[in-house]
């Protein structure tokens, strides 16, 4: 795969990571408010959503680099 295709694929992955992280963070914030740990609409709930979204995005953005070793063939395997 050429470099520009990989860059576009990674950009798509980053956009999907933003959506997934934000959705997860919002659901977690609402769940915590529903359980009664924090008040709905409070600053604590907002901070929880923000921190969860940022951490989730960073982790999802790193997934392709963390899993690269599992999908890239080594030179020894390619000759078999």
N, C-alpha and C. Protein backbone atom coordinates (compact mmCIF):
# COMPACT_ATOMS: atom_id res chain seq x y z
N UNK A 1 0.86 -1.17 0.00
CA UNK A 1 0.00 0.00 0.00
C UNK A 1 0.90 1.24 0.00
N UNK A 2 0.56 2.17 -0.81
CA UNK A 2 1.40 3.36 -0.91
C UNK A 2 1.23 4.25 0.31
N UNK A 3 2.16 5.17 0.47
CA UNK A 3 2.19 6.00 1.67
C UNK A 3 0.95 6.89 1.78
N UNK A 4 0.47 7.43 0.66
CA UNK A 4 -0.68 8.33 0.76
C UNK A 4 -1.94 7.55 1.12
N UNK A 5 -2.03 6.28 0.69
CA UNK A 5 -3.19 5.47 1.08
C UNK A 5 -3.15 5.16 2.57
N UNK A 6 -1.96 4.89 3.07
CA UNK A 6 -1.83 4.65 4.50
C UNK A 6 -2.17 5.90 5.31
N UNK A 7 -1.76 7.06 4.82
CA UNK A 7 -2.06 8.31 5.52
C UNK A 7 -3.56 8.58 5.53
N UNK A 8 -4.24 8.32 4.42
CA UNK A 8 -5.69 8.52 4.37
C UNK A 8 -6.40 7.50 5.26
N UNK A 9 -5.92 6.26 5.26
CA UNK A 9 -6.52 5.24 6.12
C UNK A 9 -6.34 5.61 7.59
N UNK A 10 -5.17 6.12 7.95
CA UNK A 10 -4.94 6.52 9.34
C UNK A 10 -5.79 7.74 9.71
N UNK A 11 -5.97 8.67 8.79
CA UNK A 11 -6.84 9.81 9.04
C UNK A 11 -8.27 9.35 9.28
N UNK A 12 -8.72 8.40 8.49
CA UNK A 12 -10.05 7.82 8.73
C UNK A 12 -10.13 7.14 10.08
N UNK A 13 -9.06 6.45 10.46
CA UNK A 13 -9.02 5.80 11.77
C UNK A 13 -9.09 6.85 12.88
N UNK A 14 -8.38 7.97 12.71
CA UNK A 14 -8.42 9.02 13.72
C UNK A 14 -9.82 9.61 13.87
N UNK A 15 -10.50 9.83 12.75
CA UNK A 15 -11.87 10.35 12.82
C UNK A 15 -12.80 9.36 13.51
N UNK A 16 -12.64 8.09 13.20
CA UNK A 16 -13.44 7.07 13.87
C UNK A 16 -13.09 7.00 15.36
N UNK A 17 -11.82 7.18 15.69
CA UNK A 17 -11.38 7.16 17.09
C UNK A 17 -12.01 8.29 17.88
N UNK A 18 -12.11 9.46 17.27
CA UNK A 18 -12.76 10.59 17.93
C UNK A 18 -14.21 10.25 18.24
N UNK A 19 -14.90 9.71 17.26
CA UNK A 19 -16.31 9.38 17.45
C UNK A 19 -16.51 8.31 18.51
N UNK A 20 -15.70 7.27 18.46
CA UNK A 20 -15.83 6.17 19.43
C UNK A 20 -15.50 6.65 20.84
N UNK A 21 -14.42 7.40 20.98
CA UNK A 21 -14.02 7.89 22.30
C UNK A 21 -15.06 8.84 22.88
N UNK A 22 -15.59 9.72 22.06
CA UNK A 22 -16.59 10.67 22.54
C UNK A 22 -17.88 9.95 22.92
N UNK A 23 -18.30 9.00 22.12
CA UNK A 23 -19.50 8.25 22.44
C UNK A 23 -19.34 7.47 23.74
N UNK A 24 -18.21 6.80 23.91
CA UNK A 24 -17.95 6.06 25.13
C UNK A 24 -17.91 6.99 26.34
N UNK A 25 -17.26 8.13 26.20
CA UNK A 25 -17.16 9.07 27.32
C UNK A 25 -18.52 9.63 27.71
N UNK A 26 -19.34 9.96 26.73
CA UNK A 26 -20.68 10.47 27.04
C UNK A 26 -21.55 9.41 27.71
N UNK A 27 -21.46 8.18 27.21
CA UNK A 27 -22.22 7.10 27.84
C UNK A 27 -21.75 6.85 29.27
N UNK A 28 -20.45 6.88 29.49
CA UNK A 28 -19.92 6.69 30.84
C UNK A 28 -20.37 7.82 31.76
N UNK A 29 -20.32 9.05 31.27
CA UNK A 29 -20.77 10.18 32.08
C UNK A 29 -22.23 10.08 32.46
N UNK A 30 -23.06 9.68 31.52
CA UNK A 30 -24.49 9.52 31.82
C UNK A 30 -24.74 8.35 32.76
N UNK A 31 -23.99 7.28 32.59
CA UNK A 31 -24.14 6.12 33.47
C UNK A 31 -23.76 6.47 34.90
N UNK A 32 -22.68 7.19 35.06
CA UNK A 32 -22.23 7.60 36.39
C UNK A 32 -23.25 8.54 37.04
N UNK A 33 -23.85 9.41 36.23
CA UNK A 33 -24.88 10.31 36.75
C UNK A 33 -26.15 9.53 37.10
N UNK A 34 -26.48 8.53 36.29
CA UNK A 34 -27.67 7.72 36.53
C UNK A 34 -27.54 6.90 37.81
N UNK A 35 -26.35 6.38 38.04
CA UNK A 35 -26.11 5.60 39.25
C UNK A 35 -26.15 6.50 40.49
N UNK A 36 -25.80 7.76 40.31
CA UNK A 36 -25.84 8.69 41.42
C UNK A 36 -24.49 9.03 42.01
N UNK A 37 -23.43 8.65 41.34
CA UNK A 37 -22.08 8.96 41.83
C UNK A 37 -21.82 10.46 41.72
N UNK A 38 -22.26 11.07 40.62
CA UNK A 38 -22.13 12.51 40.44
C UNK A 38 -23.49 13.06 40.03
N UNK A 39 -23.65 14.36 40.17
CA UNK A 39 -24.89 14.99 39.74
C UNK A 39 -24.85 15.24 38.25
N UNK A 40 -26.01 15.08 37.60
CA UNK A 40 -26.09 15.31 36.16
C UNK A 40 -25.83 16.78 35.86
N UNK A 41 -24.99 17.04 34.90
CA UNK A 41 -24.67 18.41 34.50
C UNK A 41 -23.67 19.12 35.39
N UNK A 42 -23.10 18.41 36.33
CA UNK A 42 -22.14 19.04 37.23
C UNK A 42 -20.76 19.14 36.57
N UNK A 43 -19.91 19.91 37.20
CA UNK A 43 -18.55 20.08 36.71
C UNK A 43 -17.78 18.75 36.79
N UNK A 44 -18.05 17.97 37.80
CA UNK A 44 -17.36 16.68 37.96
C UNK A 44 -17.73 15.75 36.80
N UNK A 45 -18.99 15.73 36.43
CA UNK A 45 -19.40 14.89 35.31
C UNK A 45 -18.76 15.37 34.02
N UNK A 46 -18.71 16.66 33.83
CA UNK A 46 -18.10 17.22 32.63
C UNK A 46 -16.61 16.86 32.55
N UNK A 47 -15.91 16.99 33.68
CA UNK A 47 -14.48 16.63 33.71
C UNK A 47 -14.28 15.16 33.42
N UNK A 48 -15.15 14.32 33.97
CA UNK A 48 -15.06 12.88 33.73
C UNK A 48 -15.22 12.58 32.25
N UNK A 49 -16.18 13.21 31.61
CA UNK A 49 -16.40 13.00 30.18
C UNK A 49 -15.20 13.50 29.38
N UNK A 50 -14.66 14.65 29.72
CA UNK A 50 -13.52 15.20 28.99
C UNK A 50 -12.29 14.32 29.11
N UNK A 51 -11.98 13.90 30.32
CA UNK A 51 -10.78 13.08 30.56
C UNK A 51 -10.94 11.72 29.90
N UNK A 52 -12.13 11.12 30.01
CA UNK A 52 -12.36 9.82 29.40
C UNK A 52 -12.26 9.91 27.88
N UNK A 53 -12.78 10.97 27.30
CA UNK A 53 -12.72 11.14 25.84
C UNK A 53 -11.27 11.30 25.38
N UNK A 54 -10.49 12.08 26.10
CA UNK A 54 -9.09 12.29 25.71
C UNK A 54 -8.28 11.01 25.83
N UNK A 55 -8.42 10.32 26.95
CA UNK A 55 -7.68 9.07 27.15
C UNK A 55 -8.12 8.03 26.13
N UNK A 56 -9.41 7.92 25.90
CA UNK A 56 -9.91 6.97 24.91
C UNK A 56 -9.40 7.26 23.52
N UNK A 57 -9.38 8.54 23.14
CA UNK A 57 -8.88 8.91 21.82
C UNK A 57 -7.41 8.57 21.68
N UNK A 58 -6.62 8.89 22.67
CA UNK A 58 -5.18 8.62 22.58
C UNK A 58 -4.93 7.12 22.48
N UNK A 59 -5.64 6.33 23.27
CA UNK A 59 -5.46 4.88 23.20
C UNK A 59 -5.89 4.32 21.85
N UNK A 60 -7.02 4.79 21.34
CA UNK A 60 -7.47 4.32 20.03
C UNK A 60 -6.55 4.79 18.91
N UNK A 61 -6.01 5.98 19.03
CA UNK A 61 -5.10 6.49 18.00
C UNK A 61 -3.80 5.68 17.96
N UNK A 62 -3.41 5.10 19.08
CA UNK A 62 -2.17 4.32 19.15
C UNK A 62 -2.34 2.86 18.73
N UNK A 63 -3.57 2.39 18.63
CA UNK A 63 -3.82 0.98 18.31
C UNK A 63 -3.12 0.52 17.03
N UNK A 64 -3.17 1.26 15.92
CA UNK A 64 -2.48 0.76 14.72
C UNK A 64 -0.97 0.58 14.93
N UNK A 65 -0.37 1.43 15.73
CA UNK A 65 1.07 1.31 15.97
C UNK A 65 1.38 0.17 16.93
N UNK A 66 0.48 -0.07 17.88
CA UNK A 66 0.69 -1.16 18.82
C UNK A 66 0.48 -2.52 18.17
N UNK A 67 -0.41 -2.60 17.20
CA UNK A 67 -0.70 -3.87 16.54
C UNK A 67 0.08 -4.07 15.25
N UNK A 68 0.91 -3.13 14.89
CA UNK A 68 1.65 -3.21 13.62
C UNK A 68 2.50 -4.47 13.55
N UNK A 69 3.12 -4.87 14.62
CA UNK A 69 3.98 -6.05 14.63
C UNK A 69 3.23 -7.33 14.34
N UNK A 70 1.95 -7.37 14.61
CA UNK A 70 1.18 -8.57 14.35
C UNK A 70 0.79 -8.71 12.89
N UNK A 71 0.75 -7.60 12.16
CA UNK A 71 0.27 -7.64 10.79
C UNK A 71 1.35 -7.44 9.74
N UNK A 72 2.51 -6.96 10.14
CA UNK A 72 3.60 -6.74 9.20
C UNK A 72 4.41 -8.03 9.11
N UNK A 73 4.63 -8.48 7.88
CA UNK A 73 5.43 -9.68 7.69
C UNK A 73 6.89 -9.37 7.86
N UNK A 74 7.61 -10.26 8.50
CA UNK A 74 9.05 -10.09 8.58
C UNK A 74 9.68 -10.67 7.32
N UNK A 75 10.90 -10.34 7.05
CA UNK A 75 11.58 -10.83 5.84
C UNK A 75 11.75 -12.34 5.86
N UNK A 76 11.91 -12.92 7.02
CA UNK A 76 12.08 -14.36 7.13
C UNK A 76 10.82 -15.09 6.74
N UNK A 77 9.67 -14.58 7.14
CA UNK A 77 8.39 -15.23 6.80
C UNK A 77 8.05 -15.06 5.34
N UNK A 78 8.48 -13.98 4.72
CA UNK A 78 8.13 -13.70 3.33
C UNK A 78 8.86 -14.65 2.36
N UNK A 79 9.99 -15.20 2.77
CA UNK A 79 10.77 -16.05 1.88
C UNK A 79 10.28 -17.49 1.90
N UNK A 80 9.46 -17.86 2.83
CA UNK A 80 8.99 -19.25 2.91
C UNK A 80 7.99 -19.59 1.86
